[in-house]
Amino acid sequence: MTIRLRLTLWFSGILAATLIVLCLAIYFFVNMNTFADVKEQLRDQANDYNVYKYEYGLNQMELNLQKKSPFVDKNYFVQLVNYTEGVIKQSAELGSNGLKFPIPEAKSNPKNGYVKATLKTDSGEILPFLIYQRVIPNNTEEGEIIGLLQVGTVVASETNYLTGLRVILIASSVICLMIAFSVGLFLARKALQPIERVIRSTEQIQSGSDLSVRIPIEGPKDEIGHLVYTLNIMLSRIEMAYNGLDESYKAQRRFVSDASHELRTPLTTIRGNIELLQRMWSKTLDPGEAGDIVLALDTERWELSNEAMQDISAEARRMSTLVNDLLALARADAGYEMEKTPQPMLPIVEEVGRRAGLLPRNAEWRIGDLSALDGYRVNGNADYLQQLLFIFIENAFKYTPSGWIEMSATRRENQLGIIIKDTGIGMNPKEVPHIFDRFYRADESRGKTVGTGLGLSIAKWIIDEHRGSIEVTTMEEEGSTFVIWLPIDFSPQPASIIIEGTDRIED
């Protein structure tokens, strides 16, 4: 629910409560004043009658009325109830119309006061009555009621007046509420327009990359104007902080890229010299070529030197791999976009499978069914696609000390899937969301296998660049399965043109 609607509902609710209280006060005030004179006249008329009784026989009593003033108003109807004899006496106007006032039981201990009743005449007319009843006590026995005097009058005009007043109050309240709701909604919209303008401006700043945009200040310098001013100051500080971080991040990327470039040359030189030394030592220690020199060499010194050279060579290879990985990630962070063209996937995967069979490994290397790739292309870069597959294959070789690794292919709708499955050490499924983070390595692999933890990060970047996805299924000590999904390229292939008179085919 919007703030505008909430404000309008709150305003309308308060107004409705106020109107209800006001209308009830008006209605009860008018009702009290309307019946005040009628009640007073009814009470005077009831008190103007003298009730006298005749006692005869045992427990027999007759009640009669005697009016003090001779004038009798025809608008008043009189009914006298004799509880002792069960006799009801009525005035001529009341009896001729077949009307009878409601009679309370003597056991209910009726009191002096007013009651309202709606009676139906013999002709079917329904009349509202206001009745004043006066209790006639027994003078000999205290608390005993022997009769009831009821004087009533028709209050149709007063009732109709109050009914009309109720209709007017309800209708006017509803109309006022509707008008107030509409006007309140309009005023709330007008009052909140500056906030909507602030929202639109902030959305433009959020969706764009230019943090120099500011929210325009319009209207008076009220609370909203102060809010806009504060937001602009905050945006200025955010822009300054972002620019500083961006410059630092660019400098870091430049440093990583430059350092990677600079480190590749000395590392290549170190690796070349170590390999040269190893070959020279090997020739020196060849008994067929060295002769007596072999006998002069200290065997223990050779073993130590050879071990040192092997360690230097291994570390140089590891650092070369790390530098190459850092360079690839630096390019990815710098927004490098690889050149992509439609590539047939089957030849690429077959070439990777052939070359992977030459890599050092402990497990069996299998190439499964790749027919799902036949005839399908992917819009990508062949070199990076090969690098992607080699990353997962070398990863499987590394974490599969025994068993087998298999590469196969599948197809699903408009995607090609390359499956790399192994029976290696696997991992905890909870670690799957983190394996593509940089420098992350599963706990059970630390200390057991060498690596930098950057290979899968590079693989994820290559997959993202090709608009693909990756599925991982793994279980500890049961192996892992990686499925690389790449979208199929359905663009038309360039037609081959055969030039007559030659054997050359041009695309």
Protein backbone atom coordinates (compact mmCIF):
# COMPACT_ATOMS: atom_id res chain seq x y z
CA MET A 1 0.00 0.00 0.00
CA THR A 2 1.41 3.36 -1.00
CA ILE A 3 1.99 6.23 1.41
CA ARG A 4 -0.50 8.33 -0.55
CA LEU A 5 -3.26 5.77 -0.05
CA ARG A 6 -2.38 5.26 3.60
CA LEU A 7 -2.51 9.00 4.29
CA THR A 8 -5.85 9.27 2.51
CA LEU A 9 -7.28 6.32 4.44
CA TRP A 10 -6.08 7.74 7.75
CA PHE A 11 -7.59 11.12 6.92
CA SER A 12 -10.86 9.55 5.78
CA GLY A 13 -11.01 7.31 8.86
CA ILE A 14 -10.56 10.25 11.23
CA LEU A 15 -13.18 12.22 9.33
CA ALA A 16 -15.59 9.26 9.41
CA ALA A 17 -15.18 8.89 13.17
CA THR A 18 -15.75 12.62 13.62
CA LEU A 19 -18.87 12.56 11.43
CA ILE A 20 -20.27 9.56 13.30
CA VAL A 21 -19.84 11.27 16.66
CA LEU A 22 -21.29 14.53 15.29
CA CYS A 23 -24.29 12.86 13.63
CA LEU A 24 -25.06 10.81 16.74
CA ALA A 25 -24.90 13.95 18.88
CA ILE A 26 -27.19 15.84 16.47
CA TYR A 27 -29.64 12.96 16.23
CA PHE A 28 -29.92 12.37 19.98
CA PHE A 29 -30.20 16.10 20.65
CA VAL A 30 -32.99 16.51 18.09
CA ASN A 31 -34.67 13.32 19.30
CA MET A 32 -34.60 14.52 22.87
CA ASN A 33 -36.01 17.95 21.96
CA THR A 34 -38.63 16.50 19.61
CA PHE A 35 -40.17 14.21 22.23
CA ALA A 36 -39.59 16.48 25.21
CA ASP A 37 -42.87 18.42 24.80
CA VAL A 38 -44.82 15.27 23.90
CA LYS A 39 -43.53 13.45 26.99
CA GLU A 40 -44.36 16.37 29.22
CA GLN A 41 -47.91 16.56 27.87
CA LEU A 42 -48.39 12.81 28.24
CA ARG A 43 -47.24 12.96 31.84
CA ASP A 44 -49.55 15.90 32.54
CA GLN A 45 -52.47 14.05 30.96
CA ALA A 46 -51.79 10.92 33.01
CA ASN A 47 -51.53 12.93 36.22
CA ASP A 48 -54.77 14.74 35.32
CA TYR A 49 -56.72 11.49 35.79
CA ASN A 50 -57.98 10.43 39.19
CA VAL A 51 -58.17 6.69 39.66
CA TYR A 52 -60.72 5.62 42.26
CA LYS A 53 -61.70 2.11 43.24
CA TYR A 54 -64.74 0.27 44.55
CA GLU A 55 -64.21 -2.73 46.76
CA TYR A 56 -66.97 -5.26 47.08
CA GLY A 57 -67.00 -8.84 48.04
CA LEU A 58 -63.82 -10.77 48.75
CA ASN A 59 -60.82 -9.54 46.85
CA GLN A 60 -63.01 -7.83 44.29
CA MET A 61 -62.20 -4.32 43.13
CA GLU A 62 -63.31 -2.03 40.33
CA LEU A 63 -61.17 0.80 38.99
CA ASN A 64 -62.60 3.92 37.37
CA LEU A 65 -61.18 7.15 36.02
CA GLN A 66 -62.19 10.67 36.75
CA LYS A 67 -60.62 13.56 34.91
CA LYS A 68 -59.81 16.60 36.92
CA SER A 69 -60.22 19.04 34.02
CA PRO A 70 -63.27 18.71 31.80
CA PHE A 71 -61.38 19.22 28.55
CA VAL A 72 -60.48 15.98 26.76
CA ASP A 73 -57.98 16.01 23.89
CA LYS A 74 -58.88 13.46 21.19
CA ASN A 75 -55.20 13.03 20.33
CA TYR A 76 -54.61 11.12 23.57
CA PHE A 77 -55.62 7.51 24.09
CA VAL A 78 -56.25 6.10 27.56
CA GLN A 79 -56.10 2.52 28.78
CA LEU A 80 -56.75 1.39 32.36
CA VAL A 81 -55.67 -2.10 33.41
CA ASN A 82 -57.12 -3.78 36.51
CA TYR A 83 -54.66 -6.49 37.52
CA THR A 84 -56.97 -7.75 40.28
CA GLU A 85 -59.97 -8.45 38.06
CA GLY A 86 -58.08 -8.72 34.79
CA VAL A 87 -60.29 -6.00 33.27
CA ILE A 88 -59.07 -3.51 30.69
CA LYS A 89 -60.89 -0.23 30.12
CA GLN A 90 -60.10 1.90 27.07
CA SER A 91 -61.04 5.31 25.80
CA ALA A 92 -63.46 5.41 22.87
CA GLU A 93 -60.79 6.49 20.38
CA LEU A 94 -58.58 3.54 21.32
CA GLY A 95 -61.26 0.87 21.36
CA SER A 96 -62.95 1.96 18.16
CA ASN A 97 -59.76 1.40 16.17
CA GLY A 98 -59.15 -2.04 17.63
CA LEU A 99 -55.94 -0.91 19.31
CA LYS A 100 -54.51 -2.19 22.52
CA PHE A 101 -51.45 -0.95 24.33
CA PRO A 102 -48.94 -3.61 25.36
CA ILE A 103 -49.55 -4.58 29.00
CA PRO A 104 -46.62 -5.60 31.20
CA GLU A 105 -47.27 -8.33 33.78
CA ALA A 106 -47.78 -7.29 37.36
CA LYS A 107 -45.08 -9.74 38.43
CA SER A 108 -42.53 -7.83 36.35
CA ASN A 109 -42.98 -4.90 38.72
CA PRO A 110 -43.62 -2.17 36.08
CA LYS A 111 -42.45 1.37 36.80
CA ASN A 112 -43.71 4.82 35.94
CA GLY A 113 -42.22 5.92 32.64
CA TYR A 114 -42.39 6.04 28.88
CA VAL A 115 -42.53 3.20 26.41
CA LYS A 116 -42.74 3.10 22.63
CA ALA A 117 -45.00 0.76 20.71
CA THR A 118 -46.06 0.21 17.13
CA LEU A 119 -49.71 -0.82 16.76
CA LYS A 120 -51.77 -1.94 13.83
CA THR A 121 -55.36 -0.70 13.40
CA ASP A 122 -58.27 -2.73 12.08
CA SER A 123 -57.83 -1.04 8.71
CA GLY A 124 -54.22 -2.25 8.51
CA GLU A 125 -52.61 1.09 9.24
CA ILE A 126 -49.48 0.91 11.36
CA LEU A 127 -49.12 3.70 13.91
CA PRO A 128 -46.20 4.51 16.21
CA PHE A 129 -47.22 5.39 19.79
CA LEU A 130 -45.48 7.01 22.72
CA ILE A 131 -47.07 5.81 25.96
CA TYR A 132 -46.74 7.06 29.47
CA GLN A 133 -47.72 4.49 32.08
CA ARG A 134 -48.55 5.20 35.71
CA VAL A 135 -48.58 2.46 38.27
CA ILE A 136 -51.59 2.27 40.62
CA PRO A 137 -50.48 0.77 43.94
CA ASN A 138 -52.59 -0.85 46.63
CA ASN A 139 -52.88 1.51 49.55
CA THR A 140 -53.47 -1.28 52.05
CA GLU A 141 -50.56 -3.52 51.13
CA GLU A 142 -47.26 -1.85 50.40
CA GLY A 143 -45.55 -2.89 47.18
CA GLU A 144 -48.66 -4.48 45.61
CA ILE A 145 -49.72 -3.16 42.19
CA ILE A 146 -53.42 -3.34 41.47
CA GLY A 147 -53.59 -1.38 38.23
CA LEU A 148 -51.80 0.44 35.46
CA LEU A 149 -52.85 3.66 33.75
CA GLN A 150 -51.52 4.10 30.20
CA VAL A 151 -51.87 7.36 28.26
CA GLY A 152 -50.50 7.38 24.71
CA THR A 153 -50.44 9.49 21.62
CA VAL A 154 -49.52 8.93 17.99
CA VAL A 155 -46.02 10.19 17.21
CA ALA A 156 -46.04 9.48 13.44
CA SER A 157 -44.96 13.00 12.48
CA GLU A 158 -42.11 13.00 15.00
CA THR A 159 -40.99 9.51 13.91
CA ASN A 160 -41.08 10.47 10.23
CA TYR A 161 -39.14 13.60 11.03
CA LEU A 162 -36.44 11.63 12.85
CA THR A 163 -36.35 9.02 10.07
CA GLY A 164 -35.79 11.76 7.53
CA LEU A 165 -33.13 13.26 9.74
CA ARG A 166 -31.33 9.89 9.94
CA VAL A 167 -31.41 9.51 6.15
CA ILE A 168 -30.09 13.03 5.68
CA LEU A 169 -27.29 12.56 8.22
CA ILE A 170 -26.22 9.20 6.76
CA ALA A 171 -26.38 10.35 3.14
CA SER A 172 -24.58 13.61 3.84
CA SER A 173 -21.89 11.76 5.83
CA VAL A 174 -21.33 9.28 3.00
CA ILE A 175 -21.15 12.08 0.43
CA CYS A 176 -18.75 14.05 2.63
CA LEU A 177 -16.55 10.97 3.06
CA MET A 178 -16.45 10.35 -0.70
CA ILE A 179 -15.59 13.97 -1.39
CA ALA A 180 -13.01 14.00 1.40
CA PHE A 181 -11.43 10.75 0.11
CA SER A 182 -11.18 12.09 -3.44
CA VAL A 183 -9.85 15.48 -2.36
CA GLY A 184 -7.50 13.84 0.15
CA LEU A 185 -6.14 11.50 -2.52
CA PHE A 186 -5.57 14.45 -4.83
CA LEU A 187 -3.91 16.55 -2.12
CA ALA A 188 -1.75 13.62 -1.01
CA ARG A 189 -0.65 13.09 -4.59
CA LYS A 190 0.21 16.76 -4.91
CA ALA A 191 2.07 16.72 -1.60
CA LEU A 192 4.04 13.58 -2.50
CA GLN A 193 4.92 14.58 -6.05
CA PRO A 194 8.37 15.83 -4.97
CA ILE A 195 9.07 12.44 -3.40
CA GLU A 196 8.03 10.68 -6.63
CA ARG A 197 10.42 12.99 -8.48
CA VAL A 198 13.17 12.03 -6.05
CA ILE A 199 12.39 8.33 -6.62
CA ARG A 200 12.54 8.71 -10.41
CA SER A 201 15.82 10.59 -10.19
CA THR A 202 17.39 8.02 -7.87
CA GLU A 203 16.20 5.20 -10.17
CA GLN A 204 17.90 6.91 -13.11
CA ILE A 205 21.09 7.23 -11.05
CA GLN A 206 20.84 3.58 -9.99
CA SER A 207 20.25 2.24 -13.51
CA GLY A 208 22.97 4.40 -15.06
CA SER A 209 26.70 4.43 -14.52
CA ASP A 210 27.08 8.22 -14.16
CA LEU A 211 27.24 9.08 -10.47
CA SER A 212 27.57 12.78 -11.26
CA VAL A 213 23.78 13.05 -11.79
CA ARG A 214 22.00 15.00 -9.04
CA ILE A 215 18.37 15.27 -7.99
CA PRO A 216 16.90 18.62 -9.10
CA ILE A 217 15.72 20.82 -6.23
CA GLU A 218 12.28 22.30 -7.00
CA GLY A 219 9.64 23.93 -4.86
CA PRO A 220 9.95 25.43 -1.38
CA LYS A 221 12.71 24.59 1.04
CA ASP A 222 10.52 22.38 3.21
CA GLU A 223 11.21 18.90 4.63
CA ILE A 224 11.29 17.38 1.14
CA GLY A 225 13.63 20.08 -0.12
CA HIS A 226 15.93 19.40 2.82
CA LEU A 227 15.77 15.66 2.02
CA VAL A 228 16.77 16.31 -1.62
CA TYR A 229 19.63 18.53 -0.47
CA THR A 230 20.87 15.82 1.93
CA LEU A 231 20.61 13.12 -0.78
CA ASN A 232 22.63 15.24 -3.20
CA ILE A 233 25.37 15.69 -0.61
CA MET A 234 25.36 11.93 0.03
CA LEU A 235 25.59 11.25 -3.73
CA SER A 236 28.56 13.59 -3.98
CA ARG A 237 30.38 11.72 -1.24
CA ILE A 238 29.50 8.36 -2.81
CA GLU A 239 30.80 9.58 -6.17
CA MET A 240 34.07 10.68 -4.60
CA ALA A 241 34.47 7.37 -2.77
CA TYR A 242 33.55 5.35 -5.85
CA ASN A 243 35.95 7.25 -8.05
CA GLY A 244 38.72 6.69 -5.52
CA LEU A 245 37.95 2.96 -5.33
CA ASP A 246 37.68 2.74 -9.09
CA GLU A 247 41.07 4.36 -9.54
CA SER A 248 42.57 2.01 -6.95
CA TYR A 249 40.94 -0.98 -8.64
CA LYS A 250 42.23 0.10 -12.06
CA ALA A 251 45.71 0.59 -10.64
CA GLN A 252 45.52 -2.87 -9.06
CA ARG A 253 44.42 -4.41 -12.35
CA ARG A 254 47.22 -2.62 -14.20
CA PHE A 255 49.71 -3.81 -11.60
CA VAL A 256 48.55 -7.43 -11.85
CA SER A 257 48.60 -7.31 -15.63
CA ASP A 258 52.00 -5.58 -15.82
CA ALA A 259 53.49 -7.82 -13.13
CA SER A 260 52.21 -10.91 -14.93
CA HIS A 261 53.76 -9.73 -18.17
CA GLU A 262 57.04 -8.87 -16.46
CA LEU A 263 57.22 -12.16 -14.54
CA ARG A 264 56.59 -14.38 -17.55
CA THR A 265 59.97 -13.57 -19.16
CA PRO A 266 62.25 -14.30 -16.16
CA LEU A 267 60.24 -17.41 -15.29
CA THR A 268 60.63 -18.68 -18.83
CA THR A 269 64.37 -17.96 -18.63
CA ILE A 270 64.67 -19.79 -15.29
CA ARG A 271 62.82 -22.81 -16.63
CA GLY A 272 65.02 -22.87 -19.77
CA ASN A 273 68.25 -22.64 -17.81
CA ILE A 274 67.17 -25.36 -15.38
CA GLU A 275 66.27 -27.67 -18.23
CA LEU A 276 69.64 -26.89 -19.86
CA LEU A 277 71.50 -27.68 -16.64
CA GLN A 278 69.59 -30.93 -16.24
CA ARG A 279 70.51 -31.99 -19.78
CA MET A 280 74.15 -31.01 -19.23
CA TRP A 281 74.37 -33.01 -16.00
CA SER A 282 72.72 -35.96 -17.68
CA LYS A 283 75.29 -35.94 -20.49
CA THR A 284 78.12 -35.47 -17.99
CA LEU A 285 76.97 -38.49 -16.04
CA ASP A 286 76.59 -40.67 -19.14
CA PRO A 287 79.33 -43.34 -18.72
CA GLY A 288 79.56 -43.85 -22.46
CA GLU A 289 80.49 -40.21 -23.05
CA ALA A 290 82.14 -39.02 -19.84
CA GLY A 291 84.48 -41.95 -19.18
CA ASP A 292 86.75 -41.29 -16.25
CA ILE A 293 85.00 -37.97 -15.41
CA VAL A 294 82.12 -39.91 -13.88
CA LEU A 295 84.45 -41.44 -11.38
CA ALA A 296 85.68 -38.01 -10.33
CA LEU A 297 82.22 -36.65 -9.53
CA ASP A 298 80.84 -36.69 -6.09
CA THR A 299 77.74 -38.84 -6.32
CA GLU A 300 76.14 -37.27 -3.25
CA ARG A 301 76.67 -33.74 -4.62
CA TRP A 302 75.01 -34.78 -7.90
CA GLU A 303 71.98 -36.12 -6.11
CA LEU A 304 71.59 -32.93 -4.07
CA SER A 305 72.08 -30.74 -7.15
CA ASN A 306 69.62 -32.80 -9.19
CA GLU A 307 67.01 -32.63 -6.42
CA ALA A 308 67.48 -28.85 -6.13
CA MET A 309 67.11 -28.41 -9.88
CA GLN A 310 63.95 -30.50 -9.91
CA ASP A 311 62.46 -28.39 -7.10
CA ILE A 312 63.41 -25.16 -8.90
CA SER A 313 61.92 -26.49 -12.14
CA ALA A 314 58.67 -27.56 -10.43
CA GLU A 315 58.32 -24.21 -8.65
CA ALA A 316 59.09 -22.33 -11.86
CA ARG A 317 56.37 -24.28 -13.67
CA ARG A 318 53.93 -23.61 -10.85
CA MET A 319 54.73 -19.89 -10.83
CA SER A 320 54.41 -19.77 -14.62
CA THR A 321 50.96 -21.33 -14.35
CA LEU A 322 50.01 -18.88 -11.60
CA VAL A 323 51.23 -15.90 -13.62
CA ASN A 324 49.30 -17.06 -16.69
CA ASP A 325 46.17 -17.51 -14.58
CA LEU A 326 46.56 -14.08 -13.00
CA LEU A 327 47.01 -12.55 -16.43
CA ALA A 328 43.83 -14.23 -17.67
CA LEU A 329 41.87 -13.01 -14.64
CA ALA A 330 43.30 -9.51 -15.01
CA ARG A 331 42.02 -9.48 -18.57
CA ALA A 332 38.63 -10.65 -17.36
CA ASP A 333 38.49 -7.92 -14.69
CA ALA A 334 39.51 -5.33 -17.27
CA GLY A 335 36.45 -6.24 -19.35
CA TYR A 336 38.33 -8.13 -22.05
CA GLU A 337 35.96 -9.46 -24.68
CA MET A 338 37.22 -12.46 -26.57
CA GLU A 339 36.63 -12.72 -30.29
CA LYS A 340 33.98 -15.32 -31.04
CA THR A 341 32.96 -16.99 -34.26
CA PRO A 342 30.75 -20.02 -34.97
CA GLN A 343 32.86 -23.07 -34.06
CA PRO A 344 31.98 -26.75 -34.71
CA MET A 345 32.17 -28.41 -31.31
CA LEU A 346 32.92 -32.00 -32.29
CA PRO A 347 36.44 -31.35 -33.72
CA ILE A 348 37.36 -29.17 -30.73
CA VAL A 349 36.25 -31.77 -28.18
CA GLU A 350 37.90 -34.63 -30.10
CA GLU A 351 41.20 -32.71 -30.26
CA VAL A 352 41.03 -32.01 -26.53
CA GLY A 353 40.30 -35.68 -25.84
CA ARG A 354 43.30 -36.78 -27.93
CA ARG A 355 45.70 -34.34 -26.27
CA ALA A 356 44.34 -35.10 -22.78
CA GLY A 357 45.37 -38.72 -23.27
CA LEU A 358 49.02 -37.59 -23.36
CA LEU A 359 48.86 -35.79 -19.98
CA PRO A 360 50.37 -37.45 -16.89
CA ARG A 361 47.71 -39.12 -14.77
CA ASN A 362 47.08 -42.07 -12.44
CA ALA A 363 43.51 -42.90 -13.51
CA GLU A 364 42.20 -44.33 -16.76
CA TRP A 365 41.18 -41.77 -19.41
CA ARG A 366 38.03 -42.55 -21.36
CA ILE A 367 36.32 -40.81 -24.26
CA GLY A 368 32.61 -41.59 -24.29
CA ASP A 369 29.87 -40.91 -26.81
CA LEU A 370 30.40 -37.52 -28.52
CA SER A 371 27.84 -38.00 -31.31
CA ALA A 372 25.50 -35.43 -29.71
CA LEU A 373 27.92 -32.71 -30.88
CA ASP A 374 28.00 -33.81 -34.51
CA GLY A 375 26.78 -31.08 -36.84
CA TYR A 376 26.30 -28.45 -34.14
CA ARG A 377 28.22 -25.22 -33.63
CA VAL A 378 28.80 -22.81 -30.78
CA ASN A 379 29.51 -19.11 -31.10
CA GLY A 380 32.80 -18.95 -29.27
CA ASN A 381 36.58 -18.87 -29.26
CA ALA A 382 38.25 -22.20 -30.07
CA ASP A 383 41.36 -21.55 -27.97
CA TYR A 384 39.40 -20.56 -24.89
CA LEU A 385 36.99 -23.48 -25.34
CA GLN A 386 39.95 -25.86 -25.39
CA GLN A 387 41.39 -24.16 -22.32
CA LEU A 388 38.01 -24.52 -20.60
CA LEU A 389 37.89 -28.26 -21.22
CA PHE A 390 41.53 -28.77 -20.22
CA ILE A 391 40.87 -27.00 -16.90
CA PHE A 392 38.15 -29.47 -15.96
CA ILE A 393 40.06 -32.48 -17.30
CA GLU A 394 43.30 -31.58 -15.47
CA ASN A 395 41.23 -30.92 -12.37
CA ALA A 396 39.75 -34.41 -12.66
CA PHE A 397 43.22 -35.93 -13.20
CA LYS A 398 44.47 -34.11 -10.11
CA TYR A 399 41.71 -35.31 -7.77
CA THR A 400 41.37 -38.88 -9.12
CA PRO A 401 44.23 -40.96 -7.72
CA SER A 402 42.66 -44.15 -9.08
CA GLY A 403 39.66 -45.22 -11.12
CA TRP A 404 38.71 -43.48 -14.36
CA ILE A 405 37.79 -40.12 -15.94
CA GLU A 406 35.37 -39.98 -18.85
CA MET A 407 34.38 -37.22 -21.25
CA SER A 408 31.09 -37.49 -23.15
CA ALA A 409 28.46 -35.18 -24.65
CA THR A 410 24.71 -34.67 -24.59
CA ARG A 411 22.16 -32.27 -26.03
CA ARG A 412 19.17 -30.59 -24.38
CA GLU A 413 16.83 -28.30 -26.32
CA ASN A 414 19.06 -25.52 -27.69
CA GLN A 415 22.16 -26.36 -25.65
CA LEU A 416 25.12 -28.69 -25.96
CA GLY A 417 26.50 -30.35 -22.87
CA ILE A 418 30.05 -31.64 -22.39
CA ILE A 419 30.18 -34.07 -19.47
CA ILE A 420 33.41 -34.70 -17.54
CA LYS A 421 32.92 -37.43 -14.95
CA ASP A 422 35.46 -38.93 -12.54
CA THR A 423 35.60 -41.44 -9.69
CA GLY A 424 37.95 -39.32 -7.59
CA ILE A 425 37.83 -38.04 -4.02
CA GLY A 426 34.83 -35.78 -4.70
CA MET A 427 33.83 -33.04 -2.26
CA ASN A 428 31.15 -31.98 0.18
CA PRO A 429 28.10 -30.68 -1.75
CA LYS A 430 28.05 -27.65 0.58
CA GLU A 431 31.34 -26.50 -0.97
CA VAL A 432 30.01 -26.45 -4.56
CA PRO A 433 28.90 -22.76 -4.43
CA HIS A 434 32.48 -21.75 -3.51
CA ILE A 435 34.61 -23.82 -5.89
CA PHE A 436 34.55 -21.07 -8.54
CA ASP A 437 35.83 -18.44 -6.08
CA ARG A 438 39.41 -17.35 -6.60
CA PHE A 439 42.06 -19.18 -4.57
CA TYR A 440 39.42 -21.44 -3.04
CA ARG A 441 40.31 -25.10 -2.58
CA ALA A 442 38.29 -27.79 -0.81
CA ASP A 443 39.58 -28.65 2.65
CA GLU A 444 40.13 -32.31 1.89
CA SER A 445 42.36 -31.39 -1.09
CA ARG A 446 44.66 -29.02 0.80
CA GLY A 447 48.08 -30.48 1.20
CA LYS A 448 47.27 -33.46 -1.01
CA THR A 449 47.33 -31.84 -4.44
CA VAL A 450 49.16 -28.88 -5.87
CA GLY A 451 47.38 -25.94 -7.40
CA THR A 452 46.55 -22.27 -7.06
CA GLY A 453 42.77 -22.38 -6.89
CA LEU A 454 42.40 -20.14 -9.95
CA GLY A 455 41.60 -22.69 -12.66
CA LEU A 456 37.87 -22.97 -11.99
CA SER A 457 37.59 -19.17 -11.67
CA ILE A 458 39.04 -18.85 -15.18
CA ALA A 459 36.70 -21.62 -16.38
CA LYS A 460 33.71 -19.75 -14.94
CA TRP A 461 34.78 -16.59 -16.77
CA ILE A 462 35.08 -18.47 -20.07
CA ILE A 463 31.64 -20.05 -19.55
CA ASP A 464 30.10 -16.64 -18.79
CA GLU A 465 31.72 -15.14 -21.87
CA HIS A 466 30.08 -17.90 -23.97
CA ARG A 467 26.71 -17.36 -22.22
CA GLY A 468 26.80 -20.89 -20.88
CA SER A 469 26.25 -22.54 -17.52
CA ILE A 470 27.73 -25.30 -15.39
CA GLU A 471 26.14 -28.13 -13.42
CA VAL A 472 28.05 -29.88 -10.64
CA THR A 473 27.14 -33.19 -9.00
CA THR A 474 29.53 -34.48 -6.35
CA MET A 475 29.79 -36.62 -3.24
CA GLU A 476 32.72 -37.30 -0.96
CA GLU A 477 34.72 -40.40 -1.97
CA GLU A 478 32.28 -41.01 -4.86
CA GLY A 479 33.62 -38.66 -7.51
CA SER A 480 32.30 -35.60 -9.31
CA THR A 481 30.44 -34.85 -12.52
CA PHE A 482 30.73 -31.51 -14.32
CA VAL A 483 28.34 -30.68 -17.17
CA ILE A 484 29.29 -27.63 -19.28
CA TRP A 485 26.25 -26.25 -21.13
CA LEU A 486 26.84 -24.01 -24.16
CA PRO A 487 24.11 -22.48 -26.37
CA ILE A 488 23.88 -23.83 -29.91
CA ASP A 489 24.58 -21.34 -32.68
CA PHE A 490 21.84 -21.48 -35.34
CA SER A 491 23.20 -18.72 -37.57
CA PRO A 492 23.39 -19.75 -41.26
CA GLN A 493 26.73 -21.10 -42.41
CA PRO A 494 28.48 -19.22 -45.23
CA ALA A 495 27.80 -20.84 -48.58
CA SER A 496 30.73 -22.52 -50.38
CA ILE A 497 31.39 -21.20 -53.89
CA ILE A 498 33.06 -23.54 -56.41
CA ILE A 499 34.97 -21.65 -59.11
CA GLU A 500 34.78 -23.47 -62.38
CA GLY A 501 38.11 -24.49 -63.92
CA THR A 502 39.91 -24.80 -60.58
CA ASP A 503 39.99 -27.15 -57.62
CA ARG A 504 39.82 -24.32 -55.05
CA ILE A 505 36.84 -23.82 -52.77
CA GLU A 506 36.28 -20.35 -51.30
CA ASP A 507 34.01 -19.46 -48.40
